């Protein structure tokens, strides 16, 4: 059963990625770019994006360098700590983030529409529980 759940999650992720990738490519984005742009919009600091995305720091650095060269983010020294850099989305970066979100959300909504409203809510709750770190929550009792 567990292997079947993992297989279904993998298939869902793969199908979403295959559907959305052509739209992202037309926008000039790699498949992971919307997620990094969203993290920079929320956090601004690379270390926080690394923690949130669970991607190695050198990889995030390369991604940020590419986004900076593309004019989607700007880098500046943190005025409170001159040893730290922070990033901000440019106007074009915000536009592309919103456009990519639109495509990603539409693709997921088409799949979620197969579920009744209560099923969608429970599915979201279950995913939130399962996505937590193992030590974040005690096992829930069965009803």
Protein backbone atom coordinates (compact mmCIF):
# COMPACT_ATOMS: atom_id res chain seq x y z
CA UNK A 1 0.00 0.00 0.00
CA UNK A 2 2.76 2.46 0.95
CA UNK A 3 4.61 1.81 -2.32
CA UNK A 4 1.35 2.45 -4.18
CA UNK A 5 0.90 5.80 -2.42
CA UNK A 6 4.45 6.80 -3.32
CA UNK A 7 3.90 5.72 -6.92
CA UNK A 8 0.73 7.81 -7.18
CA UNK A 9 2.46 10.86 -5.68
CA UNK A 10 5.36 10.44 -8.09
CA UNK A 11 2.97 10.09 -11.07
CA UNK A 12 0.99 13.16 -10.01
CA UNK A 13 4.15 15.22 -9.65
CA UNK A 14 5.50 13.97 -12.99
CA UNK A 15 2.22 14.67 -14.81
CA UNK A 16 2.01 18.18 -13.39
CA UNK A 17 5.62 18.86 -14.32
CA UNK A 18 5.14 17.52 -17.87
CA UNK A 19 2.03 19.65 -18.35
CA UNK A 20 3.48 22.85 -16.90
CA UNK A 21 7.06 22.70 -18.23
CA UNK A 22 6.21 23.88 -21.78
CA UNK A 23 4.43 26.94 -20.33
CA UNK A 24 7.39 27.67 -18.07
CA UNK A 25 9.83 27.29 -20.96
CA UNK A 26 7.82 29.80 -23.02
CA UNK A 27 8.22 32.18 -20.10
CA UNK A 28 11.97 31.46 -20.05
CA UNK A 29 11.81 29.60 -16.73
CA UNK A 30 13.20 26.26 -15.59
CA UNK A 31 10.79 23.95 -13.73
CA UNK A 32 12.19 24.91 -10.30
CA UNK A 33 12.31 28.67 -10.94
CA UNK A 34 8.76 29.47 -9.79
CA UNK A 35 9.43 27.79 -6.45
CA UNK A 36 12.65 29.74 -5.88
CA UNK A 37 11.04 33.02 -6.96
CA UNK A 38 8.22 32.35 -4.48
CA UNK A 39 10.70 31.66 -1.68
CA UNK A 40 12.65 34.84 -2.46
CA UNK A 41 9.37 36.76 -2.44
CA UNK A 42 8.71 35.37 1.06
CA UNK A 43 12.18 35.29 2.61
CA UNK A 44 14.70 37.32 0.56
CA UNK A 45 17.71 35.47 1.98
CA UNK A 46 19.32 32.51 0.19
CA UNK A 47 19.80 30.50 3.40
CA UNK A 48 16.08 30.67 4.10
CA UNK A 49 15.30 29.59 0.53
CA UNK A 50 17.73 26.65 0.92
CA UNK A 51 15.99 25.60 4.13
CA UNK A 52 12.48 25.93 2.67
CA UNK A 53 13.23 24.21 -0.65
CA UNK A 54 15.59 21.57 0.81
CA UNK A 55 18.00 22.03 -2.09
CA UNK A 56 21.78 22.25 -1.55
CA UNK A 57 23.10 25.78 -1.06
CA UNK A 58 25.44 25.66 -4.09
CA UNK A 59 22.51 24.71 -6.31
CA UNK A 60 20.38 27.57 -4.98
CA UNK A 61 23.32 29.94 -5.49
CA UNK A 62 23.63 28.89 -9.14
CA UNK A 63 19.88 29.24 -9.63
CA UNK A 64 19.90 32.72 -8.08
CA UNK A 65 22.84 33.76 -10.24
CA UNK A 66 20.93 32.67 -13.35
CA UNK A 67 17.75 34.47 -12.21
CA UNK A 68 19.80 37.58 -11.48
CA UNK A 69 21.39 37.48 -14.94
CA UNK A 70 17.91 37.11 -16.44
CA UNK A 71 16.79 40.25 -14.60
CA UNK A 72 14.25 38.45 -12.40
CA UNK A 73 15.90 39.17 -9.04
CA UNK A 74 18.29 41.78 -7.71
CA UNK A 75 21.00 41.20 -5.14
CA UNK A 76 21.98 43.73 -2.49
CA UNK A 77 23.86 43.80 0.79
CA UNK A 78 21.70 43.55 3.87
CA UNK A 79 21.83 47.02 5.44
CA UNK A 80 21.77 45.48 8.94
CA UNK A 81 24.51 42.90 8.25
CA UNK A 82 26.97 43.71 5.48
CA UNK A 83 28.13 40.08 5.42
CA UNK A 84 24.74 38.93 4.07
CA UNK A 85 23.16 39.32 0.69
CA UNK A 86 19.46 39.56 0.17
CA UNK A 87 17.45 39.19 -2.99
CA UNK A 88 14.31 40.87 -4.22
CA UNK A 89 12.10 40.13 -7.18
CA UNK A 90 12.19 42.64 -9.99
CA UNK A 91 8.95 43.73 -11.64
CA UNK A 92 9.59 41.15 -14.36
CA UNK A 93 10.34 38.49 -11.73
CA UNK A 94 7.01 39.20 -10.02
CA UNK A 95 5.18 39.06 -13.35
CA UNK A 96 6.76 35.72 -14.30
CA UNK A 97 6.09 34.29 -10.85
CA UNK A 98 2.39 35.17 -11.19
CA UNK A 99 2.21 33.79 -14.73
CA UNK A 100 3.89 30.55 -13.73
CA UNK A 101 1.66 30.22 -10.64
CA UNK A 102 -1.38 30.61 -12.86
CA UNK A 103 -0.33 27.68 -15.07
CA UNK A 104 0.69 25.49 -12.13
CA UNK A 105 -2.52 26.19 -10.21
CA UNK A 106 -4.71 25.56 -13.25
CA UNK A 107 -3.03 22.20 -13.82
CA UNK A 108 -3.51 21.18 -10.20
CA UNK A 109 -7.09 22.49 -10.05
CA UNK A 110 -8.06 20.28 -12.98
CA UNK A 111 -6.92 17.28 -10.98
CA UNK A 112 -8.43 18.45 -7.68
CA UNK A 113 -11.80 18.95 -9.40
CA UNK A 114 -12.08 15.15 -9.49
CA UNK A 115 -12.61 15.29 -5.71
CA UNK A 116 -15.68 16.44 -3.81
CA UNK A 117 -15.13 19.56 -1.65
CA UNK A 118 -14.83 17.52 1.56
CA UNK A 119 -12.37 15.15 -0.07
CA UNK A 120 -10.27 18.10 -1.24
CA UNK A 121 -10.18 19.53 2.28
CA UNK A 122 -9.18 16.17 3.81
CA UNK A 123 -6.58 15.60 1.08
CA UNK A 124 -5.02 19.01 1.85
CA UNK A 125 -5.03 18.25 5.59
CA UNK A 126 -3.41 14.85 5.05
CA UNK A 127 -0.72 16.25 2.78
CA UNK A 128 0.08 18.93 5.35
CA UNK A 129 0.51 16.25 8.04
CA UNK A 130 2.61 13.99 5.80
CA UNK A 131 4.85 16.84 4.62
CA UNK A 132 5.89 17.74 8.18
CA UNK A 133 9.30 16.57 9.39
CA UNK A 134 9.09 13.20 11.11
CA UNK A 135 9.75 14.63 14.58
CA UNK A 136 7.35 17.59 14.18
CA UNK A 137 4.23 15.78 15.23
CA UNK A 138 3.25 12.78 17.29
CA UNK A 139 1.32 10.07 15.43
CA UNK A 140 -2.40 10.71 15.34
CA UNK A 141 -4.79 8.26 16.91
CA UNK A 142 -7.12 6.31 14.66
CA UNK A 143 -10.81 7.10 15.19
